[in-house]
Amino acid sequence: MPTLQVRDLPEDVYIKLNLIANEENRSIAQQTIMLLKESLGLHSNNKMRRKALLDKISEKKYPDTDNIDTVELIREDRER
């Protein structure tokens, strides 16, 4: 993974970054990555990811399970 080093960071920026990181229970490095992703449009929030996953699941075709005889399936498994 690439490394980024920032020199001559203004003290007020560092203090604010440190405060936000503490509020979010993250390290300064983790918080910096999150802020960079958000500002570059690379961060999708949890609701968007969850919606995308639910949409993907709803598109799948599942077999009809209403007419399955569960007793027969259990018997088949026991006979193996």
N, C-alpha and C. Protein backbone atom coordinates (compact mmCIF):
# COMPACT_ATOMS: atom_id res chain seq x y z
N MET A 1 0.84 -1.16 0.00
CA MET A 1 0.00 0.00 0.00
C MET A 1 0.89 1.24 0.00
N PRO A 2 0.58 2.21 -0.82
CA PRO A 2 1.39 3.42 -0.88
C PRO A 2 1.33 4.22 0.43
N THR A 3 2.38 4.98 0.67
CA THR A 3 2.47 5.81 1.86
C THR A 3 2.49 7.27 1.44
N LEU A 4 1.83 8.11 2.22
CA LEU A 4 1.79 9.54 1.95
C LEU A 4 2.35 10.27 3.16
N GLN A 5 3.30 11.16 2.92
CA GLN A 5 3.86 11.96 4.01
C GLN A 5 3.55 13.42 3.71
N VAL A 6 3.04 14.13 4.70
CA VAL A 6 2.70 15.54 4.53
C VAL A 6 3.64 16.36 5.39
N ARG A 7 4.29 17.33 4.77
CA ARG A 7 5.21 18.19 5.50
C ARG A 7 4.58 19.57 5.69
N ASP A 8 5.02 20.24 6.71
CA ASP A 8 4.59 21.62 7.00
C ASP A 8 3.07 21.73 7.13
N LEU A 9 2.47 20.77 7.80
CA LEU A 9 1.03 20.80 8.06
C LEU A 9 0.75 21.88 9.09
N PRO A 10 -0.16 22.78 8.79
CA PRO A 10 -0.47 23.83 9.77
C PRO A 10 -0.99 23.23 11.08
N GLU A 11 -0.61 23.84 12.18
CA GLU A 11 -0.94 23.29 13.49
C GLU A 11 -2.45 23.25 13.71
N ASP A 12 -3.18 24.24 13.23
CA ASP A 12 -4.63 24.25 13.42
C ASP A 12 -5.31 23.11 12.68
N VAL A 13 -4.77 22.75 11.52
CA VAL A 13 -5.31 21.62 10.77
C VAL A 13 -5.05 20.33 11.53
N TYR A 14 -3.85 20.18 12.06
CA TYR A 14 -3.50 18.99 12.83
C TYR A 14 -4.37 18.86 14.07
N ILE A 15 -4.59 19.96 14.77
CA ILE A 15 -5.41 19.92 15.98
C ILE A 15 -6.84 19.51 15.64
N LYS A 16 -7.40 20.11 14.59
CA LYS A 16 -8.78 19.77 14.18
C LYS A 16 -8.87 18.31 13.75
N LEU A 17 -7.90 17.86 12.99
CA LEU A 17 -7.87 16.46 12.55
C LEU A 17 -7.79 15.52 13.74
N ASN A 18 -6.99 15.86 14.71
CA ASN A 18 -6.85 15.05 15.92
C ASN A 18 -8.16 15.01 16.70
N LEU A 19 -8.85 16.14 16.82
CA LEU A 19 -10.13 16.19 17.52
C LEU A 19 -11.18 15.32 16.84
N ILE A 20 -11.27 15.44 15.52
CA ILE A 20 -12.26 14.65 14.77
C ILE A 20 -11.94 13.16 14.90
N ALA A 21 -10.66 12.80 14.80
CA ALA A 21 -10.26 11.40 14.91
C ALA A 21 -10.65 10.84 16.28
N ASN A 22 -10.43 11.62 17.33
CA ASN A 22 -10.80 11.16 18.67
C ASN A 22 -12.31 10.98 18.80
N GLU A 23 -13.08 11.89 18.23
CA GLU A 23 -14.54 11.78 18.28
C GLU A 23 -15.05 10.54 17.56
N GLU A 24 -14.37 10.17 16.49
CA GLU A 24 -14.78 9.02 15.68
C GLU A 24 -14.09 7.73 16.11
N ASN A 25 -13.30 7.78 17.18
CA ASN A 25 -12.54 6.61 17.67
C ASN A 25 -11.64 6.03 16.58
N ARG A 26 -10.93 6.92 15.89
CA ARG A 26 -10.00 6.50 14.84
C ARG A 26 -8.63 7.10 15.12
N SER A 27 -7.64 6.51 14.49
CA SER A 27 -6.31 7.12 14.55
C SER A 27 -6.30 8.31 13.59
N ILE A 28 -5.28 9.15 13.72
CA ILE A 28 -5.17 10.30 12.81
C ILE A 28 -5.02 9.81 11.37
N ALA A 29 -4.26 8.75 11.17
CA ALA A 29 -4.07 8.21 9.83
C ALA A 29 -5.39 7.70 9.25
N GLN A 30 -6.17 6.96 10.05
CA GLN A 30 -7.46 6.45 9.58
C GLN A 30 -8.41 7.60 9.25
N GLN A 31 -8.43 8.62 10.11
CA GLN A 31 -9.31 9.76 9.87
C GLN A 31 -8.90 10.52 8.62
N THR A 32 -7.61 10.67 8.40
CA THR A 32 -7.12 11.35 7.21
C THR A 32 -7.55 10.60 5.95
N ILE A 33 -7.45 9.28 5.98
CA ILE A 33 -7.88 8.48 4.82
C ILE A 33 -9.37 8.65 4.57
N MET A 34 -10.16 8.63 5.65
CA MET A 34 -11.61 8.81 5.50
C MET A 34 -11.93 10.17 4.89
N LEU A 35 -11.29 11.21 5.38
CA LEU A 35 -11.55 12.56 4.86
C LEU A 35 -11.12 12.70 3.40
N LEU A 36 -9.99 12.09 3.06
CA LEU A 36 -9.54 12.14 1.66
C LEU A 36 -10.51 11.40 0.75
N LYS A 37 -10.97 10.22 1.17
CA LYS A 37 -11.93 9.46 0.37
C LYS A 37 -13.22 10.25 0.16
N GLU A 38 -13.72 10.86 1.24
CA GLU A 38 -14.96 11.64 1.13
C GLU A 38 -14.78 12.82 0.19
N SER A 39 -13.67 13.53 0.32
CA SER A 39 -13.46 14.71 -0.51
C SER A 39 -13.23 14.36 -1.97
N LEU A 40 -12.73 13.17 -2.25
CA LEU A 40 -12.50 12.73 -3.63
C LEU A 40 -13.69 11.96 -4.21
N GLY A 41 -14.72 11.80 -3.41
CA GLY A 41 -15.90 11.09 -3.89
C GLY A 41 -15.72 9.59 -3.95
N LEU A 42 -14.78 9.06 -3.22
CA LEU A 42 -14.50 7.62 -3.25
C LEU A 42 -15.16 6.88 -2.09
N HIS A 43 -15.78 7.63 -1.20
CA HIS A 43 -16.36 7.03 0.01
C HIS A 43 -17.86 6.88 -0.17
N SER A 44 -18.33 5.64 -0.10
CA SER A 44 -19.78 5.44 -0.11
C SER A 44 -20.20 5.09 1.31
N ASN A 45 -21.23 5.74 1.79
CA ASN A 45 -21.61 5.51 3.17
C ASN A 45 -22.31 4.17 3.34
N ASN A 46 -22.53 3.78 4.57
CA ASN A 46 -23.10 2.47 4.88
C ASN A 46 -24.48 2.28 4.26
N LYS A 47 -25.31 3.32 4.28
CA LYS A 47 -26.65 3.19 3.72
C LYS A 47 -26.60 2.89 2.22
N MET A 48 -25.69 3.55 1.51
CA MET A 48 -25.58 3.31 0.07
C MET A 48 -25.09 1.89 -0.21
N ARG A 49 -24.07 1.43 0.57
CA ARG A 49 -23.58 0.06 0.37
C ARG A 49 -24.65 -0.96 0.69
N ARG A 50 -25.41 -0.72 1.78
CA ARG A 50 -26.47 -1.63 2.18
C ARG A 50 -27.55 -1.70 1.12
N LYS A 51 -27.93 -0.53 0.57
CA LYS A 51 -28.96 -0.49 -0.48
C LYS A 51 -28.48 -1.23 -1.72
N ALA A 52 -27.23 -1.04 -2.10
CA ALA A 52 -26.69 -1.73 -3.28
C ALA A 52 -26.70 -3.24 -3.07
N LEU A 53 -26.35 -3.68 -1.86
CA LEU A 53 -26.36 -5.11 -1.57
C LEU A 53 -27.78 -5.67 -1.61
N LEU A 54 -28.73 -4.95 -1.02
CA LEU A 54 -30.13 -5.41 -1.04
C LEU A 54 -30.68 -5.45 -2.46
N ASP A 55 -30.32 -4.47 -3.27
CA ASP A 55 -30.74 -4.47 -4.67
C ASP A 55 -30.18 -5.68 -5.41
N LYS A 56 -28.92 -6.00 -5.14
CA LYS A 56 -28.28 -7.15 -5.79
C LYS A 56 -28.96 -8.45 -5.37
N ILE A 57 -29.29 -8.55 -4.09
CA ILE A 57 -29.97 -9.75 -3.58
C ILE A 57 -31.36 -9.89 -4.19
N SER A 58 -32.08 -8.77 -4.31
CA SER A 58 -33.44 -8.83 -4.83
C SER A 58 -33.47 -9.21 -6.31
N GLU A 59 -32.38 -8.97 -7.02
CA GLU A 59 -32.32 -9.32 -8.44
C GLU A 59 -32.11 -10.82 -8.66
N LYS A 60 -31.60 -11.51 -7.67
CA LYS A 60 -31.33 -12.94 -7.81
C LYS A 60 -32.62 -13.73 -7.89
N LYS A 61 -32.59 -14.80 -8.63
CA LYS A 61 -33.73 -15.71 -8.76
C LYS A 61 -33.50 -16.91 -7.86
N TYR A 62 -34.42 -17.12 -6.95
CA TYR A 62 -34.33 -18.26 -6.03
C TYR A 62 -35.42 -19.27 -6.38
N PRO A 63 -35.13 -20.55 -6.16
CA PRO A 63 -36.14 -21.57 -6.46
C PRO A 63 -37.36 -21.43 -5.54
N ASP A 64 -38.48 -21.88 -6.03
CA ASP A 64 -39.71 -21.84 -5.25
C ASP A 64 -39.61 -22.87 -4.13
N THR A 65 -39.72 -22.41 -2.89
CA THR A 65 -39.57 -23.29 -1.74
C THR A 65 -40.91 -23.62 -1.08
N ASP A 66 -42.00 -23.12 -1.65
CA ASP A 66 -43.31 -23.37 -1.05
C ASP A 66 -43.75 -24.83 -1.19
N ASN A 67 -43.35 -25.49 -2.24
CA ASN A 67 -43.82 -26.85 -2.51
C ASN A 67 -42.80 -27.92 -2.14
N ILE A 68 -41.83 -27.60 -1.31
CA ILE A 68 -40.82 -28.56 -0.92
C ILE A 68 -41.29 -29.31 0.32
N ASP A 69 -41.19 -30.63 0.25
CA ASP A 69 -41.57 -31.47 1.38
C ASP A 69 -40.34 -31.64 2.27
N THR A 70 -40.32 -30.92 3.37
CA THR A 70 -39.15 -30.95 4.25
C THR A 70 -38.95 -32.31 4.91
N VAL A 71 -40.02 -33.00 5.18
CA VAL A 71 -39.91 -34.34 5.78
C VAL A 71 -39.19 -35.27 4.81
N GLU A 72 -39.52 -35.20 3.55
CA GLU A 72 -38.87 -36.03 2.53
C GLU A 72 -37.38 -35.68 2.42
N LEU A 73 -37.04 -34.40 2.49
CA LEU A 73 -35.63 -34.00 2.43
C LEU A 73 -34.85 -34.55 3.61
N ILE A 74 -35.43 -34.52 4.78
CA ILE A 74 -34.77 -35.06 5.97
C ILE A 74 -34.57 -36.56 5.83
N ARG A 75 -35.56 -37.26 5.31
CA ARG A 75 -35.43 -38.72 5.10
C ARG A 75 -34.30 -39.02 4.13
N GLU A 76 -34.23 -38.22 3.04
CA GLU A 76 -33.17 -38.43 2.06
C GLU A 76 -31.79 -38.24 2.70
N ASP A 77 -31.65 -37.22 3.54
CA ASP A 77 -30.38 -36.97 4.21
C ASP A 77 -30.02 -38.12 5.16
N ARG A 78 -30.98 -38.65 5.85
CA ARG A 78 -30.72 -39.73 6.80
C ARG A 78 -30.31 -41.01 6.09
N GLU A 79 -30.79 -41.21 4.89
CA GLU A 79 -30.51 -42.44 4.14
C GLU A 79 -29.12 -42.39 3.50
N ARG A 80 -28.48 -41.29 3.49
CA ARG A 80 -27.16 -41.19 2.86
C ARG A 80 -26.10 -41.86 3.67
